[in-house]
N, C-alpha and C. Protein backbone atom coordinates (compact mmCIF):
# COMPACT_ATOMS: atom_id res chain seq x y z
N MET A 1 25.01 -42.94 5.73
CA MET A 1 25.78 -41.91 5.06
C MET A 1 24.87 -40.79 4.55
N ARG A 2 23.74 -41.20 4.00
CA ARG A 2 22.79 -40.23 3.48
C ARG A 2 22.25 -39.34 4.61
N VAL A 3 21.96 -39.93 5.74
CA VAL A 3 21.46 -39.18 6.90
C VAL A 3 22.52 -38.18 7.37
N LEU A 4 23.76 -38.57 7.36
CA LEU A 4 24.85 -37.69 7.76
C LEU A 4 24.95 -36.49 6.82
N ALA A 5 24.82 -36.72 5.54
CA ALA A 5 24.87 -35.64 4.55
C ALA A 5 23.69 -34.67 4.76
N ILE A 6 22.52 -35.20 5.04
CA ILE A 6 21.34 -34.36 5.26
C ILE A 6 21.52 -33.53 6.53
N LEU A 7 22.04 -34.15 7.59
CA LEU A 7 22.27 -33.41 8.84
C LEU A 7 23.33 -32.33 8.65
N ALA A 8 24.37 -32.62 7.90
CA ALA A 8 25.42 -31.63 7.64
C ALA A 8 24.86 -30.46 6.85
N SER A 9 24.04 -30.76 5.84
CA SER A 9 23.41 -29.70 5.04
C SER A 9 22.49 -28.85 5.90
N LEU A 10 21.72 -29.50 6.75
CA LEU A 10 20.82 -28.79 7.64
C LEU A 10 21.60 -27.90 8.61
N GLY A 11 22.71 -28.41 9.10
CA GLY A 11 23.57 -27.63 10.00
C GLY A 11 24.13 -26.39 9.30
N LEU A 12 24.53 -26.54 8.06
CA LEU A 12 25.04 -25.39 7.30
C LEU A 12 23.95 -24.34 7.09
N LEU A 13 22.77 -24.79 6.72
CA LEU A 13 21.67 -23.86 6.52
C LEU A 13 21.32 -23.13 7.80
N THR A 14 21.32 -23.83 8.90
CA THR A 14 21.01 -23.21 10.19
C THR A 14 22.08 -22.20 10.58
N ALA A 15 23.35 -22.54 10.33
CA ALA A 15 24.45 -21.64 10.67
C ALA A 15 24.41 -20.36 9.85
N CYS A 16 23.95 -20.47 8.61
CA CYS A 16 23.87 -19.28 7.75
C CYS A 16 22.85 -18.30 8.29
N GLY A 17 21.79 -18.85 8.82
CA GLY A 17 20.75 -18.01 9.40
C GLY A 17 20.19 -17.05 8.38
N GLY A 18 19.70 -15.97 8.85
CA GLY A 18 19.13 -14.93 8.00
C GLY A 18 19.00 -13.67 8.80
N GLN A 19 18.88 -12.59 8.14
CA GLN A 19 18.75 -11.33 8.83
C GLN A 19 17.30 -11.08 9.14
N ARG A 20 17.00 -10.89 10.40
CA ARG A 20 15.62 -10.65 10.79
C ARG A 20 15.30 -9.17 10.62
N GLN A 21 14.13 -8.89 10.12
CA GLN A 21 13.70 -7.51 9.92
C GLN A 21 13.50 -6.79 11.24
N SER A 22 13.35 -7.53 12.33
CA SER A 22 13.11 -6.89 13.62
C SER A 22 14.38 -6.34 14.25
N GLU A 23 15.51 -6.50 13.59
CA GLU A 23 16.77 -5.99 14.11
C GLU A 23 17.35 -4.96 13.15
N PRO A 24 16.79 -3.72 13.13
CA PRO A 24 17.22 -2.72 12.17
C PRO A 24 18.66 -2.28 12.33
N ALA A 25 19.24 -2.40 13.53
CA ALA A 25 20.61 -1.96 13.72
C ALA A 25 21.58 -2.77 12.86
N GLN A 26 21.21 -3.98 12.50
CA GLN A 26 22.06 -4.79 11.63
C GLN A 26 21.92 -4.37 10.18
N VAL A 27 20.84 -3.69 9.85
CA VAL A 27 20.57 -3.30 8.48
C VAL A 27 21.37 -2.06 8.11
N MET A 28 21.50 -1.10 9.03
CA MET A 28 22.13 0.17 8.71
C MET A 28 23.14 0.54 9.79
N ARG A 29 24.31 0.94 9.36
CA ARG A 29 25.32 1.44 10.29
C ARG A 29 24.90 2.84 10.72
N LEU A 30 24.91 3.09 12.00
CA LEU A 30 24.49 4.39 12.52
C LEU A 30 25.68 5.32 12.59
N SER A 31 25.47 6.58 12.24
CA SER A 31 26.55 7.56 12.17
C SER A 31 26.35 8.68 13.17
N GLY A 32 27.44 9.36 13.46
CA GLY A 32 27.40 10.58 14.23
C GLY A 32 27.73 11.74 13.31
N GLY A 33 27.25 12.91 13.61
CA GLY A 33 27.52 14.07 12.78
C GLY A 33 26.62 15.21 13.17
N PRO A 34 26.62 16.28 12.38
CA PRO A 34 25.87 17.48 12.77
C PRO A 34 24.37 17.27 12.87
N ILE A 35 23.81 16.48 11.97
CA ILE A 35 22.36 16.25 12.03
C ILE A 35 22.01 15.37 13.21
N ALA A 36 22.82 14.36 13.48
CA ALA A 36 22.57 13.50 14.65
C ALA A 36 22.64 14.32 15.94
N ARG A 37 23.63 15.22 16.03
CA ARG A 37 23.74 16.05 17.24
C ARG A 37 22.54 16.99 17.38
N ALA A 38 22.13 17.60 16.28
CA ALA A 38 20.97 18.50 16.33
C ALA A 38 19.70 17.73 16.67
N CYS A 39 19.59 16.54 16.14
CA CYS A 39 18.44 15.68 16.44
C CYS A 39 18.39 15.35 17.93
N MET A 40 19.52 14.96 18.50
CA MET A 40 19.55 14.62 19.93
C MET A 40 19.32 15.84 20.82
N ALA A 41 19.73 17.01 20.36
CA ALA A 41 19.54 18.23 21.14
C ALA A 41 18.12 18.79 21.02
N SER A 42 17.37 18.28 20.06
CA SER A 42 16.02 18.79 19.84
C SER A 42 15.09 18.34 20.97
N GLU A 43 13.92 18.95 21.01
CA GLU A 43 12.94 18.61 22.03
C GLU A 43 11.92 17.60 21.53
N ARG A 44 12.18 16.99 20.38
CA ARG A 44 11.23 16.02 19.83
C ARG A 44 11.16 14.80 20.74
N LYS A 45 9.95 14.34 21.02
CA LYS A 45 9.75 13.20 21.92
C LYS A 45 10.32 11.90 21.37
N ALA A 46 10.27 11.73 20.06
CA ALA A 46 10.68 10.46 19.45
C ALA A 46 12.19 10.32 19.31
N ARG A 47 12.96 11.32 19.69
CA ARG A 47 14.41 11.25 19.47
C ARG A 47 15.06 10.18 20.33
N ASN A 48 16.03 9.53 19.77
CA ASN A 48 16.88 8.58 20.50
C ASN A 48 18.14 8.41 19.67
N GLU A 49 19.17 7.86 20.25
CA GLU A 49 20.46 7.76 19.56
C GLU A 49 20.37 6.95 18.28
N ALA A 50 19.61 5.87 18.30
CA ALA A 50 19.50 5.03 17.10
C ALA A 50 18.80 5.79 15.97
N LEU A 51 17.70 6.46 16.28
CA LEU A 51 16.97 7.21 15.26
C LEU A 51 17.84 8.34 14.71
N CYS A 52 18.45 9.11 15.59
CA CYS A 52 19.27 10.23 15.14
C CYS A 52 20.49 9.75 14.36
N GLY A 53 21.07 8.63 14.77
CA GLY A 53 22.20 8.06 14.03
C GLY A 53 21.79 7.57 12.65
N CYS A 54 20.61 7.00 12.57
CA CYS A 54 20.10 6.54 11.28
C CYS A 54 19.87 7.72 10.35
N ILE A 55 19.25 8.77 10.86
CA ILE A 55 19.00 9.96 10.06
C ILE A 55 20.32 10.55 9.56
N GLN A 56 21.34 10.56 10.42
CA GLN A 56 22.65 11.06 10.01
C GLN A 56 23.26 10.19 8.91
N THR A 57 23.10 8.89 9.01
CA THR A 57 23.63 7.98 8.00
C THR A 57 23.02 8.30 6.63
N VAL A 58 21.72 8.51 6.60
CA VAL A 58 21.05 8.85 5.34
C VAL A 58 21.54 10.21 4.85
N ALA A 59 21.71 11.15 5.76
CA ALA A 59 22.22 12.47 5.37
C ALA A 59 23.61 12.35 4.76
N ASN A 60 24.46 11.50 5.33
CA ASN A 60 25.81 11.32 4.78
C ASN A 60 25.76 10.78 3.35
N GLN A 61 24.74 10.01 3.05
CA GLN A 61 24.60 9.43 1.71
C GLN A 61 23.98 10.41 0.73
N ASP A 62 23.08 11.27 1.21
CA ASP A 62 22.27 12.10 0.31
C ASP A 62 22.64 13.58 0.27
N LEU A 63 23.27 14.09 1.32
CA LEU A 63 23.51 15.53 1.41
C LEU A 63 24.99 15.85 1.55
N SER A 64 25.40 16.95 0.94
CA SER A 64 26.77 17.44 1.11
C SER A 64 26.90 18.03 2.52
N GLY A 65 28.12 18.37 2.90
CA GLY A 65 28.34 19.01 4.19
C GLY A 65 27.59 20.32 4.31
N ALA A 66 27.60 21.12 3.24
CA ALA A 66 26.88 22.40 3.25
C ALA A 66 25.37 22.16 3.38
N ASP A 67 24.86 21.16 2.68
CA ASP A 67 23.44 20.83 2.79
C ASP A 67 23.09 20.39 4.21
N GLN A 68 23.99 19.62 4.83
CA GLN A 68 23.74 19.17 6.20
C GLN A 68 23.72 20.35 7.16
N ARG A 69 24.62 21.30 6.97
CA ARG A 69 24.64 22.48 7.84
C ARG A 69 23.33 23.27 7.69
N MET A 70 22.84 23.37 6.46
CA MET A 70 21.57 24.06 6.24
C MET A 70 20.44 23.30 6.93
N ALA A 71 20.42 21.99 6.80
CA ALA A 71 19.38 21.17 7.42
C ALA A 71 19.42 21.30 8.94
N VAL A 72 20.61 21.39 9.52
CA VAL A 72 20.74 21.57 10.98
C VAL A 72 20.08 22.86 11.42
N SER A 73 20.17 23.89 10.60
CA SER A 73 19.56 25.17 10.98
C SER A 73 18.04 25.06 11.10
N PHE A 74 17.44 24.08 10.45
CA PHE A 74 15.98 23.88 10.53
C PHE A 74 15.57 23.39 11.92
N TYR A 75 16.46 22.71 12.62
CA TYR A 75 16.13 22.24 13.98
C TYR A 75 15.95 23.43 14.91
N ASP A 76 16.80 24.45 14.76
CA ASP A 76 16.72 25.63 15.62
C ASP A 76 15.65 26.61 15.16
N ASP A 77 15.40 26.64 13.85
CA ASP A 77 14.48 27.63 13.29
C ASP A 77 13.62 26.97 12.22
N PRO A 78 12.55 26.28 12.62
CA PRO A 78 11.70 25.59 11.64
C PRO A 78 11.13 26.53 10.57
N HIS A 79 10.95 27.80 10.93
CA HIS A 79 10.44 28.77 9.96
C HIS A 79 11.40 28.92 8.78
N ARG A 80 12.67 28.76 9.05
CA ARG A 80 13.67 28.86 7.98
C ARG A 80 13.42 27.80 6.90
N ALA A 81 13.00 26.63 7.30
CA ALA A 81 12.68 25.58 6.33
C ALA A 81 11.50 26.01 5.46
N GLN A 82 10.52 26.63 6.06
CA GLN A 82 9.36 27.10 5.31
C GLN A 82 9.77 28.18 4.30
N VAL A 83 10.62 29.09 4.72
CA VAL A 83 11.10 30.15 3.82
C VAL A 83 11.87 29.53 2.66
N MET A 84 12.72 28.56 2.96
CA MET A 84 13.51 27.87 1.92
C MET A 84 12.59 27.15 0.95
N ARG A 85 11.59 26.47 1.48
CA ARG A 85 10.67 25.71 0.64
C ARG A 85 9.92 26.62 -0.33
N GLN A 86 9.58 27.82 0.10
CA GLN A 86 8.79 28.74 -0.72
C GLN A 86 9.64 29.68 -1.58
N SER A 87 10.93 29.59 -1.45
CA SER A 87 11.83 30.50 -2.18
C SER A 87 11.76 30.27 -3.69
N ASP A 88 11.90 31.35 -4.43
CA ASP A 88 11.96 31.27 -5.89
C ASP A 88 13.41 31.24 -6.39
N ASN A 89 14.35 31.33 -5.49
CA ASN A 89 15.77 31.28 -5.85
C ASN A 89 16.11 29.88 -6.36
N PRO A 90 16.68 29.74 -7.55
CA PRO A 90 17.00 28.42 -8.10
C PRO A 90 17.90 27.58 -7.19
N ARG A 91 18.83 28.23 -6.50
CA ARG A 91 19.72 27.51 -5.59
C ARG A 91 18.93 26.93 -4.41
N ASP A 92 18.01 27.73 -3.86
CA ASP A 92 17.17 27.26 -2.76
C ASP A 92 16.25 26.13 -3.23
N GLU A 93 15.72 26.27 -4.43
CA GLU A 93 14.84 25.23 -4.98
C GLU A 93 15.60 23.91 -5.15
N ALA A 94 16.83 24.00 -5.65
CA ALA A 94 17.65 22.79 -5.84
C ALA A 94 17.96 22.14 -4.49
N PHE A 95 18.30 22.99 -3.50
CA PHE A 95 18.54 22.44 -2.16
C PHE A 95 17.28 21.76 -1.65
N TRP A 96 16.12 22.39 -1.81
CA TRP A 96 14.89 21.84 -1.25
C TRP A 96 14.58 20.48 -1.87
N LEU A 97 14.84 20.32 -3.15
CA LEU A 97 14.61 19.02 -3.79
C LEU A 97 15.53 17.95 -3.19
N ARG A 98 16.80 18.30 -2.97
CA ARG A 98 17.72 17.34 -2.33
C ARG A 98 17.27 17.03 -0.91
N TYR A 99 16.87 18.06 -0.18
CA TYR A 99 16.45 17.90 1.20
C TYR A 99 15.20 17.03 1.30
N ARG A 100 14.22 17.27 0.43
CA ARG A 100 13.00 16.47 0.45
C ARG A 100 13.30 15.00 0.13
N GLY A 101 14.20 14.77 -0.82
CA GLY A 101 14.60 13.41 -1.14
C GLY A 101 15.23 12.74 0.08
N TYR A 102 16.11 13.47 0.74
CA TYR A 102 16.75 12.96 1.96
C TYR A 102 15.71 12.70 3.05
N ALA A 103 14.80 13.64 3.25
CA ALA A 103 13.79 13.50 4.31
C ALA A 103 12.88 12.30 4.04
N ASP A 104 12.48 12.14 2.80
CA ASP A 104 11.61 11.01 2.45
C ASP A 104 12.34 9.68 2.66
N ARG A 105 13.61 9.64 2.24
CA ARG A 105 14.38 8.41 2.37
C ARG A 105 14.67 8.09 3.83
N SER A 106 15.01 9.10 4.62
CA SER A 106 15.30 8.84 6.04
C SER A 106 14.02 8.42 6.77
N GLU A 107 12.89 8.99 6.39
CA GLU A 107 11.64 8.58 7.02
C GLU A 107 11.37 7.10 6.73
N GLN A 108 11.61 6.69 5.51
CA GLN A 108 11.38 5.30 5.13
C GLN A 108 12.38 4.35 5.80
N LEU A 109 13.67 4.70 5.76
CA LEU A 109 14.70 3.80 6.26
C LEU A 109 14.82 3.79 7.78
N CYS A 110 14.45 4.87 8.43
CA CYS A 110 14.68 4.99 9.87
C CYS A 110 13.41 4.79 10.70
N ARG A 111 12.33 4.45 10.07
CA ARG A 111 11.05 4.27 10.76
C ARG A 111 11.17 3.25 11.91
N ALA A 112 11.96 2.23 11.72
CA ALA A 112 12.10 1.17 12.73
C ALA A 112 12.71 1.69 14.04
N TYR A 113 13.39 2.82 14.01
CA TYR A 113 14.07 3.34 15.20
C TYR A 113 13.21 4.29 16.01
N SER A 114 12.07 4.70 15.48
CA SER A 114 11.25 5.69 16.20
C SER A 114 10.25 5.03 17.13
């Protein structure tokens, strides 16, 4: 009887399993949206659907729709990001802080997809 209880417990533990770190797609739901589309349309070598979807997911969590549209413009015109970063306009500065937070977080969370 004791052996049966141990085997049953072992079976339950095995069935529960665990989430492996090597399977990032199970960790984060990938999204579609303006940033994912711009990412896929870019000429960056590291782009792929999983990476771009992950970046979009983080954008959905961290950026408003207007912020996402602004971020999309950086794909077409990287100089625009530089101008925004150096701007003394309080609105631009506030956006840049949100954008940097998003960029840092997406770099950390989406690294497994690149």
